[in-house]
Amino acid sequence: MPKMKTETGAKKRFKVTANGKILRRKSYRAHLLEKKSSTRTRRLGREAEVAGGQAKTVRKMLGI
């Protein structure tokens, strides 16, 4: 049987921690930042954990 290939889009977008949690980037941080408050942009800069139901799908895409 052939090897499982990881989805290249998912490979670029998600990061797996040592504990097995999956991290993702938050949206609304790409452009039009002048009108957004610094507090908001700072908060959006942090990585967020992928929620339960979606984590299962992401794991499948990453081949974990």
PDB file of N, CA and C in Angstrom:
ATOM      1  N   MET A   1       0.837  -1.191   0.000  1.00  0.00           N
ATOM      2  CA  MET A   1       0.000   0.000   0.000  1.00  0.00           C
ATOM      3  C   MET A   1       0.883   1.257   0.000  1.00  0.00           C
ATOM      4  N   PRO A   2       0.522   2.290  -0.777  1.00  0.00           N
ATOM      5  CA  PRO A   2       1.349   3.497  -0.845  1.00  0.00           C
ATOM      6  C   PRO A   2       1.347   4.302   0.456  1.00  0.00           C
ATOM      7  N   LYS A   3       2.371   5.113   0.597  1.00  0.00           N
ATOM      8  CA  LYS A   3       2.493   5.941   1.794  1.00  0.00           C
ATOM      9  C   LYS A   3       1.421   7.024   1.813  1.00  0.00           C
ATOM     10  N   MET A   4       1.036   7.435   3.027  1.00  0.00           N
ATOM     11  CA  MET A   4       0.063   8.533   3.188  1.00  0.00           C
ATOM     12  C   MET A   4       0.805   9.838   2.927  1.00  0.00           C
ATOM     13  N   LYS A   5       0.211  10.713   2.135  1.00  0.00           N
ATOM     14  CA  LYS A   5       0.835  12.010   1.889  1.00  0.00           C
ATOM     15  C   LYS A   5       0.141  13.070   2.719  1.00  0.00           C
ATOM     16  N   THR A   6       0.917  13.952   3.349  1.00  0.00           N
ATOM     17  CA  THR A   6       0.315  15.044   4.102  1.00  0.00           C
ATOM     18  C   THR A   6      -0.169  16.087   3.114  1.00  0.00           C
ATOM     19  N   GLU A   7      -1.285  16.724   3.469  1.00  0.00           N
ATOM     20  CA  GLU A   7      -1.829  17.777   2.623  1.00  0.00           C
ATOM     21  C   GLU A   7      -0.914  18.992   2.741  1.00  0.00           C
ATOM     22  N   THR A   8      -0.353  19.437   1.628  1.00  0.00           N
ATOM     23  CA  THR A   8       0.662  20.494   1.686  1.00  0.00           C
ATOM     24  C   THR A   8       0.116  21.819   2.217  1.00  0.00           C
ATOM     25  N   GLY A   9      -1.157  22.105   1.963  1.00  0.00           N
ATOM     26  CA  GLY A   9      -1.779  23.332   2.477  1.00  0.00           C
ATOM     27  C   GLY A   9      -1.839  23.308   3.996  1.00  0.00           C
ATOM     28  N   ALA A  10      -2.174  22.152   4.547  1.00  0.00           N
ATOM     29  CA  ALA A  10      -2.269  21.991   6.000  1.00  0.00           C
ATOM     30  C   ALA A  10      -0.888  22.042   6.634  1.00  0.00           C
ATOM     31  N   LYS A  11       0.085  21.483   5.938  1.00  0.00           N
ATOM     32  CA  LYS A  11       1.464  21.455   6.434  1.00  0.00           C
ATOM     33  C   LYS A  11       1.983  22.873   6.673  1.00  0.00           C
ATOM     34  N   LYS A  12       1.591  23.791   5.772  1.00  0.00           N
ATOM     35  CA  LYS A  12       2.049  25.175   5.864  1.00  0.00           C
ATOM     36  C   LYS A  12       1.286  25.977   6.921  1.00  0.00           C
ATOM     37  N   ARG A  13       0.050  25.574   7.208  1.00  0.00           N
ATOM     38  CA  ARG A  13      -0.812  26.382   8.074  1.00  0.00           C
ATOM     39  C   ARG A  13      -0.866  25.981   9.540  1.00  0.00           C
ATOM     40  N   PHE A  14      -0.542  24.731   9.842  1.00  0.00           N
ATOM     41  CA  PHE A  14      -0.680  24.249  11.212  1.00  0.00           C
ATOM     42  C   PHE A  14       0.644  23.795  11.806  1.00  0.00           C
ATOM     43  N   LYS A  15       0.721  23.901  13.144  1.00  0.00           N
ATOM     44  CA  LYS A  15       1.928  23.503  13.863  1.00  0.00           C
ATOM     45  C   LYS A  15       1.502  22.596  15.013  1.00  0.00           C
ATOM     46  N   VAL A  16       2.204  21.513  15.206  1.00  0.00           N
ATOM     47  CA  VAL A  16       1.875  20.585  16.287  1.00  0.00           C
ATOM     48  C   VAL A  16       2.866  20.786  17.425  1.00  0.00           C
ATOM     49  N   THR A  17       2.331  20.954  18.643  1.00  0.00           N
ATOM     50  CA  THR A  17       3.185  21.162  19.808  1.00  0.00           C
ATOM     51  C   THR A  17       3.690  19.813  20.323  1.00  0.00           C
ATOM     52  N   ALA A  18       4.577  19.866  21.301  1.00  0.00           N
ATOM     53  CA  ALA A  18       5.141  18.640  21.887  1.00  0.00           C
ATOM     54  C   ALA A  18       4.056  17.812  22.575  1.00  0.00           C
ATOM     55  N   ASN A  19       3.021  18.506  23.101  1.00  0.00           N
ATOM     56  CA  ASN A  19       1.923  17.805  23.776  1.00  0.00           C
ATOM     57  C   ASN A  19       0.871  17.283  22.805  1.00  0.00           C
ATOM     58  N   GLY A  20       1.040  17.587  21.517  1.00  0.00           N
ATOM     59  CA  GLY A  20       0.103  17.088  20.520  1.00  0.00           C
ATOM     60  C   GLY A  20      -1.019  18.047  20.164  1.00  0.00           C
ATOM     61  N   LYS A  21      -0.982  19.263  20.721  1.00  0.00           N
ATOM     62  CA  LYS A  21      -2.003  20.255  20.385  1.00  0.00           C
ATOM     63  C   LYS A  21      -1.690  20.827  19.009  1.00  0.00           C
ATOM     64  N   ILE A  22      -2.731  21.243  18.292  1.00  0.00           N
ATOM     65  CA  ILE A  22      -2.534  21.826  16.962  1.00  0.00           C
ATOM     66  C   ILE A  22      -2.794  23.324  17.039  1.00  0.00           C
ATOM     67  N   LEU A  23      -1.816  24.100  16.573  1.00  0.00           N
ATOM     68  CA  LEU A  23      -1.939  25.554  16.610  1.00  0.00           C
ATOM     69  C   LEU A  23      -2.189  26.099  15.218  1.00  0.00           C
ATOM     70  N   ARG A  24      -2.921  27.212  15.165  1.00  0.00           N
ATOM     71  CA  ARG A  24      -3.244  27.867  13.894  1.00  0.00           C
ATOM     72  C   ARG A  24      -3.063  29.363  14.049  1.00  0.00           C
ATOM     73  N   ARG A  25      -3.002  30.071  12.921  1.00  0.00           N
ATOM     74  CA  ARG A  25      -2.924  31.533  12.938  1.00  0.00           C
ATOM     75  C   ARG A  25      -4.322  32.108  13.013  1.00  0.00           C
ATOM     76  N   LYS A  26      -4.467  33.268  13.627  1.00  0.00           N
ATOM     77  CA  LYS A  26      -5.768  33.928  13.663  1.00  0.00           C
ATOM     78  C   LYS A  26      -5.943  34.783  12.420  1.00  0.00           C
ATOM     79  N   SER A  27      -7.192  34.974  12.033  1.00  0.00           N
ATOM     80  CA  SER A  27      -7.492  35.782  10.845  1.00  0.00           C
ATOM     81  C   SER A  27      -7.562  37.266  11.203  1.00  0.00           C
ATOM     82  N   TYR A  28      -7.753  38.102  10.202  1.00  0.00           N
ATOM     83  CA  TYR A  28      -7.877  39.568  10.340  1.00  0.00           C
ATOM     84  C   TYR A  28      -6.581  40.252  10.748  1.00  0.00           C
ATOM     85  N   ARG A  29      -5.447  39.702  10.378  1.00  0.00           N
ATOM     86  CA  ARG A  29      -4.171  40.310  10.734  1.00  0.00           C
ATOM     87  C   ARG A  29      -3.324  40.606   9.489  1.00  0.00           C
ATOM     88  N   ALA A  30      -3.909  40.423   8.302  1.00  0.00           N
ATOM     89  CA  ALA A  30      -3.133  40.544   7.069  1.00  0.00           C
ATOM     90  C   ALA A  30      -3.004  41.978   6.559  1.00  0.00           C
ATOM     91  N   HIS A  31      -4.112  42.717   6.535  1.00  0.00           N
ATOM     92  CA  HIS A  31      -4.072  44.085   6.000  1.00  0.00           C
ATOM     93  C   HIS A  31      -5.166  44.926   6.650  1.00  0.00           C
ATOM     94  N   LEU A  32      -5.240  46.210   6.272  1.00  0.00           N
ATOM     95  CA  LEU A  32      -6.178  47.186   6.865  1.00  0.00           C
ATOM     96  C   LEU A  32      -5.997  47.275   8.381  1.00  0.00           C
ATOM     97  N   LEU A  33      -4.736  47.331   8.802  1.00  0.00           N
ATOM     98  CA  LEU A  33      -4.436  47.305  10.240  1.00  0.00           C
ATOM     99  C   LEU A  33      -4.497  48.680  10.888  1.00  0.00           C
ATOM    100  N   GLU A  34      -4.497  49.746  10.081  1.00  0.00           N
ATOM    101  CA  GLU A  34      -4.504  51.098  10.638  1.00  0.00           C
ATOM    102  C   GLU A  34      -5.729  51.362  11.499  1.00  0.00           C
ATOM    103  N   LYS A  35      -6.870  50.863  11.055  1.00  0.00           N
ATOM    104  CA  LYS A  35      -8.116  51.120  11.773  1.00  0.00           C
ATOM    105  C   LYS A  35      -8.312  50.224  12.990  1.00  0.00           C
ATOM    106  N   LYS A  36      -7.560  49.153  13.074  1.00  0.00           N
ATOM    107  CA  LYS A  36      -7.676  48.230  14.210  1.00  0.00           C
ATOM    108  C   LYS A  36      -6.767  48.695  15.340  1.00  0.00           C
ATOM    109  N   SER A  37      -7.255  48.559  16.565  1.00  0.00           N
ATOM    110  CA  SER A  37      -6.476  49.007  17.716  1.00  0.00           C
ATOM    111  C   SER A  37      -5.255  48.116  17.924  1.00  0.00           C
ATOM    112  N   SER A  38      -4.236  48.689  18.557  1.00  0.00           N
ATOM    113  CA  SER A  38      -2.995  47.926  18.789  1.00  0.00           C
ATOM    114  C   SER A  38      -3.261  46.716  19.669  1.00  0.00           C
ATOM    115  N   THR A  39      -4.174  46.867  20.619  1.00  0.00           N
ATOM    116  CA  THR A  39      -4.516  45.742  21.494  1.00  0.00           C
ATOM    117  C   THR A  39      -5.072  44.592  20.667  1.00  0.00           C
ATOM    118  N   ARG A  40      -5.954  44.958  19.747  1.00  0.00           N
ATOM    119  CA  ARG A  40      -6.591  43.948  18.898  1.00  0.00           C
ATOM    120  C   ARG A  40      -5.581  43.255  17.991  1.00  0.00           C
ATOM    121  N   THR A  41      -4.706  44.029  17.359  1.00  0.00           N
ATOM    122  CA  THR A  41      -3.719  43.445  16.443  1.00  0.00           C
ATOM    123  C   THR A  41      -2.717  42.574  17.200  1.00  0.00           C
ATOM    124  N   ARG A  42      -2.383  42.992  18.412  1.00  0.00           N
ATOM    125  CA  ARG A  42      -1.462  42.207  19.234  1.00  0.00           C
ATOM    126  C   ARG A  42      -2.099  40.870  19.593  1.00  0.00           C
ATOM    127  N   ARG A  43      -3.358  40.912  19.950  1.00  0.00           N
ATOM    128  CA  ARG A  43      -4.082  39.701  20.323  1.00  0.00           C
ATOM    129  C   ARG A  43      -4.226  38.757  19.125  1.00  0.00           C
ATOM    130  N   LEU A  44      -4.427  39.342  17.946  1.00  0.00           N
ATOM    131  CA  LEU A  44      -4.570  38.539  16.726  1.00  0.00           C
ATOM    132  C   LEU A  44      -3.243  37.929  16.287  1.00  0.00           C
ATOM    133  N   GLY A  45      -2.144  38.459  16.769  1.00  0.00           N
ATOM    134  CA  GLY A  45      -0.830  37.951  16.411  1.00  0.00           C
ATOM    135  C   GLY A  45      -0.492  36.634  17.069  1.00  0.00           C
ATOM    136  N   ARG A  46      -1.157  36.364  18.191  1.00  0.00           N
ATOM    137  CA  ARG A  46      -0.892  35.110  18.905  1.00  0.00           C
ATOM    138  C   ARG A  46      -1.500  33.937  18.163  1.00  0.00           C
ATOM    139  N   GLU A  47      -0.927  32.784  18.379  1.00  0.00           N
ATOM    140  CA  GLU A  47      -1.481  31.579  17.760  1.00  0.00           C
ATOM    141  C   GLU A  47      -2.615  31.057  18.633  1.00  0.00           C
ATOM    142  N   ALA A  48      -3.575  30.403  18.006  1.00  0.00           N
ATOM    143  CA  ALA A  48      -4.711  29.842  18.733  1.00  0.00           C
ATOM    144  C   ALA A  48      -4.727  28.334  18.533  1.00  0.00           C
ATOM    145  N   GLU A  49      -5.353  27.652  19.484  1.00  0.00           N
ATOM    146  CA  GLU A  49      -5.459  26.199  19.382  1.00  0.00           C
ATOM    147  C   GLU A  49      -6.662  25.854  18.507  1.00  0.00           C
ATOM    148  N   VAL A  50      -6.530  24.810  17.716  1.00  0.00           N
ATOM    149  CA  VAL A  50      -7.632  24.367  16.859  1.00  0.00           C
ATOM    150  C   VAL A  50      -8.661  23.669  17.740  1.00  0.00           C
ATOM    151  N   ALA A  51      -9.942  24.016  17.564  1.00  0.00           N
ATOM    152  CA  ALA A  51     -11.032  23.461  18.372  1.00  0.00           C
ATOM    153  C   ALA A  51     -11.226  21.969  18.104  1.00  0.00           C
ATOM    154  N   GLY A  52     -11.786  21.298  19.087  1.00  0.00           N
ATOM    155  CA  GLY A  52     -11.959  19.845  19.094  1.00  0.00           C
ATOM    156  C   GLY A  52     -12.371  19.167  17.813  1.00  0.00           C
ATOM    157  N   GLY A  53     -13.553  19.511  17.284  1.00  0.00           N
ATOM    158  CA  GLY A  53     -14.074  18.857  16.080  1.00  0.00           C
ATOM    159  C   GLY A  53     -13.200  19.075  14.872  1.00  0.00           C
ATOM    160  N   GLN A  54     -12.640  20.261  14.760  1.00  0.00           N
ATOM    161  CA  GLN A  54     -11.783  20.583  13.623  1.00  0.00           C
ATOM    162  C   GLN A  54     -10.414  19.943  13.766  1.00  0.00           C
ATOM    163  N   ALA A  55      -9.976  19.752  14.990  1.00  0.00           N
ATOM    164  CA  ALA A  55      -8.661  19.160  15.250  1.00  0.00           C
ATOM    165  C   ALA A  55      -8.566  17.761  14.639  1.00  0.00           C
ATOM    166  N   LYS A  56      -9.671  17.036  14.705  1.00  0.00           N
ATOM    167  CA  LYS A  56      -9.712  15.675  14.159  1.00  0.00           C
ATOM    168  C   LYS A  56      -9.473  15.711  12.645  1.00  0.00           C
ATOM    169  N   THR A  57     -10.124  16.662  11.970  1.00  0.00           N
ATOM    170  CA  THR A  57      -9.970  16.818  10.513  1.00  0.00           C
ATOM    171  C   THR A  57      -8.551  17.217  10.160  1.00  0.00           C
ATOM    172  N   VAL A  58      -7.989  18.151  10.938  1.00  0.00           N
ATOM    173  CA  VAL A  58      -6.629  18.640  10.687  1.00  0.00           C
ATOM    174  C   VAL A  58      -5.617  17.519  10.885  1.00  0.00           C
ATOM    175  N   ARG A  59      -5.815  16.708  11.909  1.00  0.00           N
ATOM    176  CA  ARG A  59      -4.922  15.575  12.165  1.00  0.00           C
ATOM    177  C   ARG A  59      -4.897  14.625  10.955  1.00  0.00           C
ATOM    178  N   LYS A  60      -6.072  14.411  10.393  1.00  0.00           N
ATOM    179  CA  LYS A  60      -6.203  13.532   9.227  1.00  0.00           C
ATOM    180  C   LYS A  60      -5.444  14.119   8.031  1.00  0.00           C
ATOM    181  N   MET A  61      -5.560  15.464   7.879  1.00  0.00           N
ATOM    182  CA  MET A  61      -4.878  16.141   6.776  1.00  0.00           C
ATOM    183  C   MET A  61      -3.372  16.087   6.941  1.00  0.00           C
ATOM    184  N   LEU A  62      -2.904  16.161   8.194  1.00  0.00           N
ATOM    185  CA  LEU A  62      -1.467  16.126   8.468  1.00  0.00           C
ATOM    186  C   LEU A  62      -0.920  14.705   8.506  1.00  0.00           C
ATOM    187  N   GLY A  63      -1.806  13.741   8.541  1.00  0.00           N
ATOM    188  CA  GLY A  63      -1.380  12.348   8.575  1.00  0.00           C
ATOM    189  C   GLY A  63      -0.879  11.914   9.926  1.00  0.00           C
ATOM    190  N   ILE A  64      -1.462  12.494  10.973  1.00  0.00           N
ATOM    191  CA  ILE A  64      -1.057  12.156  12.357  1.00  0.00           C
ATOM    192  C   ILE A  64      -1.990  11.089  12.910  1.00  0.00           C
TER     193      ILE A  64
END
